[in-house]
Amino acid sequence: MPESNSISFTEALGRMKPVTLEEMGSVKLMNRIDTKYLTNEVTLLEVLADAALAGYRVLTIGDKRISGYNSVYYDTPALRMYYDHRNKHLVRQKVRTRAYLESGQAFLEIKRKNNKGRTKKKRTEIPIGELMDFKADDAAVSYLAKHSWFTVADVSPVLATKFRRITLVNPAMTERLTIDTALNFENFRTHKGASLEDTVIIELKQDGRAASQMKGILLDRRVKPTRVSKYCVALTLTDPEARPGRFNLKVRTIEKTIGKKLKTYDIE
């Protein structure tokens, strides 16, 4: 997968105090309200400078402040999860495996959205070699059956995503901000790939009970809330047979944000 022409965020992140994975335990927010934002890397530098002045801390693993993530999204042959999202079903699920490269951990993750807009994520650890196939893992198979209305017989790998993530927490440890850059996709079924170039997807995760200083920072930088799904945008770009509907508008919004057209390429 090609990388974007990334700006270096090392200097901006160097102005922040570190926070460890152990300290982050109090802001897991597995049952939460998520607000997503869309911007570009130039604006992100400004947001990071503001966050440093506001006392935000950056997740640091070893000496690394930017982490690599590999995810594999699963779906049915008819792309039920994709179309549930496209058709605006309020109650829906996504099933994926994800590897956290810096910590060396991998998980089977089930994200459920309810009709009140809350997202609840459940996950169980799996060997990192099972990202593409956990069918032989009895514990993972049972976990999926218990926490999802999909079974292992219903789903198979559809799409891989690779990206780099910056994670910030506010001084009060009441919210978490994930910032994803260098987003790249590969579709296993169509053998097409795509990059989001210098697009940045920001997600503010909170329980809704505490005020958010980050919302003010983003507003000051004219970064507005935008509903965007990596999986759905990736499928829109890499599967000519998928009916994108409103997701075409998301692709155009991304292109406007970064000032360039997104390209799809063949994977050999």
C-alpha atoms as a PDB file:
ATOM      1  CA  MET A   1       0.000   0.000   0.000  1.00  0.00           C
ATOM      2  CA  PRO A   2       1.426   3.428  -0.877  1.00  0.00           C
ATOM      3  CA  GLU A   3       1.826   6.041   1.847  1.00  0.00           C
ATOM      4  CA  SER A   4       0.533   9.595   1.606  1.00  0.00           C
ATOM      5  CA  ASN A   5       2.951  12.494   1.249  1.00  0.00           C
ATOM      6  CA  SER A   6       2.813  12.907   4.990  1.00  0.00           C
ATOM      7  CA  ILE A   7       3.819  16.006   6.859  1.00  0.00           C
ATOM      8  CA  SER A   8       6.008  15.230   9.849  1.00  0.00           C
ATOM      9  CA  PHE A   9       4.144  15.717  13.110  1.00  0.00           C
ATOM     10  CA  THR A  10       7.144  14.890  15.318  1.00  0.00           C
ATOM     11  CA  GLU A  11       7.877  18.463  16.398  1.00  0.00           C
ATOM     12  CA  ALA A  12       4.239  19.255  17.223  1.00  0.00           C
ATOM     13  CA  LEU A  13       3.814  16.058  19.242  1.00  0.00           C
ATOM     14  CA  GLY A  14       7.124  16.690  21.004  1.00  0.00           C
ATOM     15  CA  ARG A  15       5.512  19.667  22.762  1.00  0.00           C
ATOM     16  CA  MET A  16       3.045  17.382  24.547  1.00  0.00           C
ATOM     17  CA  LYS A  17       3.523  15.379  27.696  1.00  0.00           C
ATOM     18  CA  PRO A  18       3.268  11.601  27.181  1.00  0.00           C
ATOM     19  CA  VAL A  19       0.522   9.346  28.489  1.00  0.00           C
ATOM     20  CA  THR A  20       1.008   5.590  28.774  1.00  0.00           C
ATOM     21  CA  LEU A  21      -1.308   2.751  27.811  1.00  0.00           C
ATOM     22  CA  GLU A  22      -1.802   2.007  31.496  1.00  0.00           C
ATOM     23  CA  GLU A  23      -2.852   5.597  32.215  1.00  0.00           C
ATOM     24  CA  MET A  24      -5.191   5.466  29.220  1.00  0.00           C
ATOM     25  CA  GLY A  25      -7.121   2.692  30.956  1.00  0.00           C
ATOM     26  CA  SER A  26      -9.414   5.226  32.623  1.00  0.00           C
ATOM     27  CA  VAL A  27     -10.538   6.620  29.244  1.00  0.00           C
ATOM     28  CA  LYS A  28     -11.290   3.414  27.323  1.00  0.00           C
ATOM     29  CA  LEU A  29     -14.815   4.696  26.638  1.00  0.00           C
ATOM     30  CA  MET A  30     -16.022   1.381  25.279  1.00  0.00           C
ATOM     31  CA  ASN A  31     -19.608   2.658  25.621  1.00  0.00           C
ATOM     32  CA  ARG A  32     -19.470   6.123  24.175  1.00  0.00           C
ATOM     33  CA  ILE A  33     -20.650   8.845  21.840  1.00  0.00           C
ATOM     34  CA  ASP A  34     -18.328   9.382  18.874  1.00  0.00           C
ATOM     35  CA  THR A  35     -18.008  12.557  16.830  1.00  0.00           C
ATOM     36  CA  LYS A  36     -15.928  12.408  13.658  1.00  0.00           C
ATOM     37  CA  TYR A  37     -14.196  15.256  11.872  1.00  0.00           C
ATOM     38  CA  LEU A  38     -12.526  15.501   8.471  1.00  0.00           C
ATOM     39  CA  THR A  39      -9.529  17.691   7.676  1.00  0.00           C
ATOM     40  CA  ASN A  40      -6.113  17.696   6.014  1.00  0.00           C
ATOM     41  CA  GLU A  41      -2.568  17.421   7.304  1.00  0.00           C
ATOM     42  CA  VAL A  42      -1.816  21.164   7.121  1.00  0.00           C
ATOM     43  CA  THR A  43      -4.782  21.970   9.356  1.00  0.00           C
ATOM     44  CA  LEU A  44      -3.887  19.090  11.658  1.00  0.00           C
ATOM     45  CA  LEU A  45      -0.560  20.771  12.451  1.00  0.00           C
ATOM     46  CA  GLU A  46      -2.500  23.807  13.686  1.00  0.00           C
ATOM     47  CA  VAL A  47      -4.850  21.633  15.751  1.00  0.00           C
ATOM     48  CA  LEU A  48      -1.906  19.842  17.376  1.00  0.00           C
ATOM     49  CA  ALA A  49      -0.275  23.174  18.282  1.00  0.00           C
ATOM     50  CA  ASP A  50      -3.509  24.319  19.931  1.00  0.00           C
ATOM     51  CA  ALA A  51      -3.882  20.992  21.734  1.00  0.00           C
ATOM     52  CA  ALA A  52      -0.353  21.248  23.145  1.00  0.00           C
ATOM     53  CA  LEU A  53      -1.102  24.715  24.541  1.00  0.00           C
ATOM     54  CA  ALA A  54      -4.311  23.350  26.096  1.00  0.00           C
ATOM     55  CA  GLY A  55      -2.381  20.638  27.943  1.00  0.00           C
ATOM     56  CA  TYR A  56      -3.427  17.603  25.916  1.00  0.00           C
ATOM     57  CA  ARG A  57      -1.193  14.553  26.313  1.00  0.00           C
ATOM     58  CA  VAL A  58      -0.148  12.112  23.587  1.00  0.00           C
ATOM     59  CA  LEU A  59      -0.163   8.322  23.869  1.00  0.00           C
ATOM     60  CA  THR A  60       3.443   7.163  23.827  1.00  0.00           C
ATOM     61  CA  ILE A  61       4.503   3.532  23.430  1.00  0.00           C
ATOM     62  CA  GLY A  62       8.213   3.147  23.961  1.00  0.00           C
ATOM     63  CA  ASP A  63       9.465   6.290  22.269  1.00  0.00           C
ATOM     64  CA  LYS A  64       6.785   6.308  19.554  1.00  0.00           C
ATOM     65  CA  ARG A  65       3.978   8.861  19.485  1.00  0.00           C
ATOM     66  CA  ILE A  66       2.448   7.691  16.214  1.00  0.00           C
ATOM     67  CA  SER A  67       1.188   4.107  16.059  1.00  0.00           C
ATOM     68  CA  GLY A  68       0.611   1.795  13.107  1.00  0.00           C
ATOM     69  CA  TYR A  69      -2.736   0.032  12.759  1.00  0.00           C
ATOM     70  CA  ASN A  70      -3.749  -2.779  10.397  1.00  0.00           C
ATOM     71  CA  SER A  71      -7.431  -3.726  10.204  1.00  0.00           C
ATOM     72  CA  VAL A  72      -9.382  -6.329   8.271  1.00  0.00           C
ATOM     73  CA  TYR A  73     -13.117  -5.733   7.813  1.00  0.00           C
ATOM     74  CA  TYR A  74     -15.403  -8.725   7.475  1.00  0.00           C
ATOM     75  CA  ASP A  75     -18.783  -8.765   5.764  1.00  0.00           C
ATOM     76  CA  THR A  76     -21.322 -11.123   4.227  1.00  0.00           C
ATOM     77  CA  PRO A  77     -21.176 -12.068   0.522  1.00  0.00           C
ATOM     78  CA  ALA A  78     -23.942  -9.500  -0.094  1.00  0.00           C
ATOM     79  CA  LEU A  79     -22.124  -6.821   1.976  1.00  0.00           C
ATOM     80  CA  ARG A  80     -24.881  -6.657   4.587  1.00  0.00           C
ATOM     81  CA  MET A  81     -22.870  -4.458   6.976  1.00  0.00           C
ATOM     82  CA  TYR A  82     -21.996  -2.001   4.236  1.00  0.00           C
ATOM     83  CA  TYR A  83     -25.574  -1.703   3.021  1.00  0.00           C
ATOM     84  CA  ASP A  84     -26.985  -1.419   6.548  1.00  0.00           C
ATOM     85  CA  HIS A  85     -24.826   1.680   6.946  1.00  0.00           C
ATOM     86  CA  ARG A  86     -25.576   3.001   3.459  1.00  0.00           C
ATOM     87  CA  ASN A  87     -29.315   2.580   4.032  1.00  0.00           C
ATOM     88  CA  LYS A  88     -29.130   4.448   7.353  1.00  0.00           C
ATOM     89  CA  HIS A  89     -30.152   1.587   9.602  1.00  0.00           C
ATOM     90  CA  LEU A  90     -29.883   3.038  13.098  1.00  0.00           C
ATOM     91  CA  VAL A  91     -29.033  -0.324  14.648  1.00  0.00           C
ATOM     92  CA  ARG A  92     -26.095  -1.928  12.895  1.00  0.00           C
ATOM     93  CA  GLN A  93     -22.814  -3.753  13.411  1.00  0.00           C
ATOM     94  CA  LYS A  94     -19.341  -3.960  11.982  1.00  0.00           C
ATOM     95  CA  VAL A  95     -16.980  -6.896  12.459  1.00  0.00           C
ATOM     96  CA  ARG A  96     -13.248  -6.497  12.061  1.00  0.00           C
ATOM     97  CA  THR A  97      -9.891  -7.726  13.266  1.00  0.00           C
ATOM     98  CA  ARG A  98      -7.257  -5.181  14.162  1.00  0.00           C
ATOM     99  CA  ALA A  99      -3.537  -5.306  14.866  1.00  0.00           C
ATOM    100  CA  TYR A 100      -1.931  -2.656  17.054  1.00  0.00           C
ATOM    101  CA  LEU A 101       1.585  -2.758  15.672  1.00  0.00           C
ATOM    102  CA  GLU A 102       3.439  -0.939  18.443  1.00  0.00           C
ATOM    103  CA  SER A 103       1.984  -3.073  21.241  1.00  0.00           C
ATOM    104  CA  GLY A 104       2.007  -6.253  19.145  1.00  0.00           C
ATOM    105  CA  GLN A 105      -1.589  -7.058  20.103  1.00  0.00           C
ATOM    106  CA  ALA A 106      -4.481  -8.072  17.870  1.00  0.00           C
ATOM    107  CA  PHE A 107      -8.208  -8.282  18.542  1.00  0.00           C
ATOM    108  CA  LEU A 108     -11.479  -9.425  17.068  1.00  0.00           C
ATOM    109  CA  GLU A 109     -13.697  -6.353  17.432  1.00  0.00           C
ATOM    110  CA  ILE A 110     -17.471  -5.996  17.159  1.00  0.00           C
ATOM    111  CA  LYS A 111     -18.863  -2.475  16.947  1.00  0.00           C
ATOM    112  CA  ARG A 112     -22.580  -2.031  17.556  1.00  0.00           C
ATOM    113  CA  LYS A 113     -24.476   1.217  17.061  1.00  0.00           C
ATOM    114  CA  ASN A 114     -27.871   1.584  18.716  1.00  0.00           C
ATOM    115  CA  ASN A 115     -30.839   3.744  17.802  1.00  0.00           C
ATOM    116  CA  LYS A 116     -29.728   6.467  20.216  1.00  0.00           C
ATOM    117  CA  GLY A 117     -26.448   7.057  18.378  1.00  0.00           C
ATOM    118  CA  ARG A 118     -24.290   5.306  20.943  1.00  0.00           C
ATOM    119  CA  THR A 119     -21.472   3.044  19.828  1.00  0.00           C
ATOM    120  CA  LYS A 120     -20.520   0.061  21.955  1.00  0.00           C
ATOM    121  CA  LYS A 121     -17.406  -1.909  21.122  1.00  0.00           C
ATOM    122  CA  LYS A 122     -16.583  -5.379  22.382  1.00  0.00           C
ATOM    123  CA  ARG A 123     -13.347  -7.141  21.633  1.00  0.00           C
ATOM    124  CA  THR A 124     -11.336 -10.208  22.449  1.00  0.00           C
ATOM    125  CA  GLU A 125      -7.630 -10.742  21.923  1.00  0.00           C
ATOM    126  CA  ILE A 126      -6.523 -13.081  19.150  1.00  0.00           C
ATOM    127  CA  PRO A 127      -3.096 -14.104  17.813  1.00  0.00           C
ATOM    128  CA  ILE A 128      -1.839 -11.543  15.315  1.00  0.00           C
ATOM    129  CA  GLY A 129      -1.651 -14.278  12.677  1.00  0.00           C
ATOM    130  CA  GLU A 130      -5.459 -14.627  12.745  1.00  0.00           C
ATOM    131  CA  LEU A 131      -6.280 -11.212  11.257  1.00  0.00           C
ATOM    132  CA  MET A 132      -7.380 -12.794   7.975  1.00  0.00           C
ATOM    133  CA  ASP A 133      -8.845 -16.002   9.371  1.00  0.00           C
ATOM    134  CA  PHE A 134      -9.937 -16.798  12.911  1.00  0.00           C
ATOM    135  CA  LYS A 135     -12.233 -19.721  11.997  1.00  0.00           C
ATOM    136  CA  ALA A 136      -9.983 -22.250  13.691  1.00  0.00           C
ATOM    137  CA  ASP A 137      -9.945 -20.220  16.930  1.00  0.00           C
ATOM    138  CA  ASP A 138     -12.802 -21.708  18.961  1.00  0.00           C
ATOM    139  CA  ALA A 139     -12.721 -18.909  21.541  1.00  0.00           C
ATOM    140  CA  ALA A 140     -12.954 -16.198  18.877  1.00  0.00           C
ATOM    141  CA  VAL A 141     -15.711 -18.031  17.011  1.00  0.00           C
ATOM    142  CA  SER A 142     -17.721 -18.341  20.232  1.00  0.00           C
ATOM    143  CA  TYR A 143     -17.120 -14.700  21.065  1.00  0.00           C
ATOM    144  CA  LEU A 144     -18.489 -13.600  17.694  1.00  0.00           C
ATOM    145  CA  ALA A 145     -21.562 -15.779  18.088  1.00  0.00           C
ATOM    146  CA  LYS A 146     -22.201 -14.413  21.581  1.00  0.00           C
ATOM    147  CA  HIS A 147     -21.813 -10.704  20.796  1.00  0.00           C
ATOM    148  CA  SER A 148     -22.936 -10.425  17.178  1.00  0.00           C
ATOM    149  CA  TRP A 149     -25.918 -11.489  15.117  1.00  0.00           C
ATOM    150  CA  PHE A 150     -23.373 -12.675  12.513  1.00  0.00           C
ATOM    151  CA  THR A 151     -21.604 -16.013  12.818  1.00  0.00           C
ATOM    152  CA  VAL A 152     -18.258 -17.067  11.424  1.00  0.00           C
ATOM    153  CA  ALA A 153     -20.097 -18.885   8.623  1.00  0.00           C
ATOM    154  CA  ASP A 154     -21.755 -15.614   7.561  1.00  0.00           C
ATOM    155  CA  VAL A 155     -18.671 -13.469   7.045  1.00  0.00           C
ATOM    156  CA  SER A 156     -15.312 -13.387   5.314  1.00  0.00           C
ATOM    157  CA  PRO A 157     -12.540 -10.770   4.877  1.00  0.00           C
ATOM    158  CA  VAL A 158     -13.464  -7.980   2.467  1.00  0.00           C
ATOM    159  CA  LEU A 159     -11.090  -5.110   2.986  1.00  0.00           C
ATOM    160  CA  ALA A 160      -7.794  -4.220   4.658  1.00  0.00           C
ATOM    161  CA  THR A 161      -7.006  -0.774   6.007  1.00  0.00           C
ATOM    162  CA  LYS A 162      -3.625   0.519   7.082  1.00  0.00           C
ATOM    163  CA  PHE A 163      -3.127   3.861   8.748  1.00  0.00           C
ATOM    164  CA  ARG A 164      -1.105   5.769  11.330  1.00  0.00           C
ATOM    165  CA  ARG A 165      -2.796   6.982  14.491  1.00  0.00           C
ATOM    166  CA  ILE A 166      -2.095   9.724  17.003  1.00  0.00           C
ATOM    167  CA  THR A 167      -4.052   9.437  20.258  1.00  0.00           C
ATOM    168  CA  LEU A 168      -4.551  12.412  22.576  1.00  0.00           C
ATOM    169  CA  VAL A 169      -6.247  12.728  25.951  1.00  0.00           C
ATOM    170  CA  ASN A 170      -7.310  15.916  27.682  1.00  0.00           C
ATOM    171  CA  PRO A 171      -5.791  16.964  31.021  1.00  0.00           C
ATOM    172  CA  ALA A 172      -8.871  15.800  32.943  1.00  0.00           C
ATOM    173  CA  MET A 173      -8.732  12.366  31.255  1.00  0.00           C
ATOM    174  CA  THR A 174     -12.412  12.598  30.314  1.00  0.00           C
ATOM    175  CA  GLU A 175     -12.087  12.279  26.552  1.00  0.00           C
ATOM    176  CA  ARG A 176      -9.921  10.620  23.953  1.00  0.00           C
ATOM    177  CA  LEU A 177      -9.084  11.909  20.496  1.00  0.00           C
ATOM    178  CA  THR A 178      -7.846   9.598  17.745  1.00  0.00           C
ATOM    179  CA  ILE A 179      -6.262  11.140  14.665  1.00  0.00           C
ATOM    180  CA  ASP A 180      -5.793   8.879  11.647  1.00  0.00           C
ATOM    181  CA  THR A 181      -3.454   9.716   8.764  1.00  0.00           C
ATOM    182  CA  ALA A 182      -1.880   7.884   5.807  1.00  0.00           C
ATOM    183  CA  LEU A 183      -5.048   5.869   5.191  1.00  0.00           C
ATOM    184  CA  ASN A 184      -4.698   3.120   2.595  1.00  0.00           C
ATOM    185  CA  PHE A 185      -7.089   0.372   1.537  1.00  0.00           C
ATOM    186  CA  GLU A 186      -6.978  -2.977  -0.269  1.00  0.00           C
ATOM    187  CA  ASN A 187     -10.107  -4.820  -1.376  1.00  0.00           C
ATOM    188  CA  PHE A 188      -9.633  -8.600  -1.342  1.00  0.00           C
ATOM    189  CA  ARG A 189     -12.630  -9.296  -3.558  1.00  0.00           C
ATOM    190  CA  THR A 190     -12.020  -6.763  -6.337  1.00  0.00           C
ATOM    191  CA  HIS A 191      -8.206  -6.585  -6.075  1.00  0.00           C
ATOM    192  CA  LYS A 192      -8.420  -2.788  -6.090  1.00  0.00           C
ATOM    193  CA  GLY A 193      -6.614  -0.401  -3.778  1.00  0.00           C
ATOM    194  CA  ALA A 194      -6.913   3.265  -2.855  1.00  0.00           C
ATOM    195  CA  SER A 195      -5.212   5.916  -0.736  1.00  0.00           C
ATOM    196  CA  LEU A 196      -6.834   8.887   0.983  1.00  0.00           C
ATOM    197  CA  GLU A 197      -3.624  10.873   0.428  1.00  0.00           C
ATOM    198  CA  ASP A 198      -3.278  13.620   3.083  1.00  0.00           C
ATOM    199  CA  THR A 199      -6.801  13.200   4.456  1.00  0.00           C
ATOM    200  CA  VAL A 200      -7.064  13.215   8.246  1.00  0.00           C
ATOM    201  CA  ILE A 201      -9.952  11.575  10.092  1.00  0.00           C
ATOM    202  CA  ILE A 202     -10.364  12.734  13.676  1.00  0.00           C
ATOM    203  CA  GLU A 203     -12.653  11.016  16.151  1.00  0.00           C
ATOM    204  CA  LEU A 204     -13.603  12.537  19.482  1.00  0.00           C
ATOM    205  CA  LYS A 205     -14.738   9.864  21.919  1.00  0.00           C
ATOM    206  CA  GLN A 206     -16.586  10.894  25.083  1.00  0.00           C
ATOM    207  CA  ASP A 207     -19.380   9.813  27.369  1.00  0.00           C
ATOM    208  CA  GLY A 208     -21.207  13.098  26.850  1.00  0.00           C
ATOM    209  CA  ARG A 209     -21.185  14.138  30.519  1.00  0.00           C
ATOM    210  CA  ALA A 210     -18.081  16.365  30.390  1.00  0.00           C
ATOM    211  CA  ALA A 211     -17.408  19.537  28.412  1.00  0.00           C
ATOM    212  CA  SER A 212     -14.911  19.202  25.552  1.00  0.00           C
ATOM    213  CA  GLN A 213     -12.200  21.772  24.995  1.00  0.00           C
ATOM    214  CA  MET A 214     -11.237  19.974  21.787  1.00  0.00           C
ATOM    215  CA  LYS A 215     -14.595  20.789  20.215  1.00  0.00           C
ATOM    216  CA  GLY A 216     -13.722  24.464  20.603  1.00  0.00           C
ATOM    217  CA  ILE A 217     -10.246  23.972  19.146  1.00  0.00           C
ATOM    218  CA  LEU A 218     -11.640  22.208  16.094  1.00  0.00           C
ATOM    219  CA  LEU A 219     -14.331  24.841  15.606  1.00  0.00           C
ATOM    220  CA  ASP A 220     -11.746  27.631  15.783  1.00  0.00           C
ATOM    221  CA  ARG A 221      -9.803  25.872  13.025  1.00  0.00           C
ATOM    222  CA  ARG A 222     -12.996  25.470  10.964  1.00  0.00           C
ATOM    223  CA  VAL A 223     -12.949  21.702  11.289  1.00  0.00           C
ATOM    224  CA  LYS A 224     -16.584  20.664  11.401  1.00  0.00           C
ATOM    225  CA  PRO A 225     -18.209  17.360  12.403  1.00  0.00           C
ATOM    226  CA  THR A 226     -18.500  15.005   9.433  1.00  0.00           C
ATOM    227  CA  ARG A 227     -19.936  11.516   9.512  1.00  0.00           C
ATOM    228  CA  VAL A 228     -17.483   9.265   7.706  1.00  0.00           C
ATOM    229  CA  SER A 229     -16.826   5.524   7.777  1.00  0.00           C
ATOM    230  CA  LYS A 230     -13.434   4.249   6.649  1.00  0.00           C
ATOM    231  CA  TYR A 231     -14.992   0.951   5.605  1.00  0.00           C
ATOM    232  CA  CYS A 232     -17.788   2.515   3.564  1.00  0.00           C
ATOM    233  CA  VAL A 233     -15.550   5.071   1.857  1.00  0.00           C
ATOM    234  CA  ALA A 234     -13.020   2.356   1.082  1.00  0.00           C
ATOM    235  CA  LEU A 235     -15.671   0.122  -0.489  1.00  0.00           C
ATOM    236  CA  THR A 236     -17.027   3.047  -2.507  1.00  0.00           C
ATOM    237  CA  LEU A 237     -13.548   3.619  -3.926  1.00  0.00           C
ATOM    238  CA  THR A 238     -12.531  -0.001  -4.505  1.00  0.00           C
ATOM    239  CA  ASP A 239     -15.714  -1.885  -5.470  1.00  0.00           C
ATOM    240  CA  PRO A 240     -17.338  -0.729  -8.733  1.00  0.00           C
ATOM    241  CA  GLU A 241     -20.277  -3.089  -8.103  1.00  0.00           C
ATOM    242  CA  ALA A 242     -21.142  -1.655  -4.680  1.00  0.00           C
ATOM    243  CA  ARG A 243     -23.987   0.852  -4.868  1.00  0.00           C
ATOM    244  CA  PRO A 244     -22.520   3.888  -3.111  1.00  0.00           C
ATOM    245  CA  GLY A 245     -25.527   6.198  -2.955  1.00  0.00           C
ATOM    246  CA  ARG A 246     -24.748   8.984  -0.490  1.00  0.00           C
ATOM    247  CA  PHE A 247     -21.187   7.723   0.002  1.00  0.00           C
ATOM    248  CA  ASN A 248     -20.240   9.369  -3.303  1.00  0.00           C
ATOM    249  CA  LEU A 249     -20.841  12.674  -1.540  1.00  0.00           C
ATOM    250  CA  LYS A 250     -18.402  11.623   1.190  1.00  0.00           C
ATOM    251  CA  VAL A 251     -15.737  10.925  -1.419  1.00  0.00           C
ATOM    252  CA  ARG A 252     -16.294  14.353  -2.982  1.00  0.00           C
ATOM    253  CA  THR A 253     -16.113  15.986   0.456  1.00  0.00           C
ATOM    254  CA  ILE A 254     -12.770  14.301   1.067  1.00  0.00           C
ATOM    255  CA  GLU A 255     -11.479  15.441  -2.311  1.00  0.00           C
ATOM    256  CA  LYS A 256     -12.558  19.009  -1.577  1.00  0.00           C
ATOM    257  CA  THR A 257     -10.877  18.871   1.836  1.00  0.00           C
ATOM    258  CA  ILE A 258      -7.501  17.808   0.417  1.00  0.00           C
ATOM    259  CA  GLY A 259      -7.798  19.634  -2.912  1.00  0.00           C
ATOM    260  CA  LYS A 260      -7.175  16.627  -5.139  1.00  0.00           C
ATOM    261  CA  LYS A 261      -8.913  13.662  -6.743  1.00  0.00           C
ATOM    262  CA  LEU A 262      -8.648  10.278  -5.098  1.00  0.00           C
ATOM    263  CA  LYS A 263      -7.272   7.493  -7.270  1.00  0.00           C
ATOM    264  CA  THR A 264      -7.931   3.785  -7.347  1.00  0.00           C
ATOM    265  CA  TYR A 265      -5.298   1.323  -8.524  1.00  0.00           C
ATOM    266  CA  ASP A 266      -5.067  -2.365  -9.384  1.00  0.00           C
ATOM    267  CA  ILE A 267      -3.402  -4.734  -6.956  1.00  0.00           C
ATOM    268  CA  GLU A 268      -1.301  -7.371  -8.655  1.00  0.00           C
END
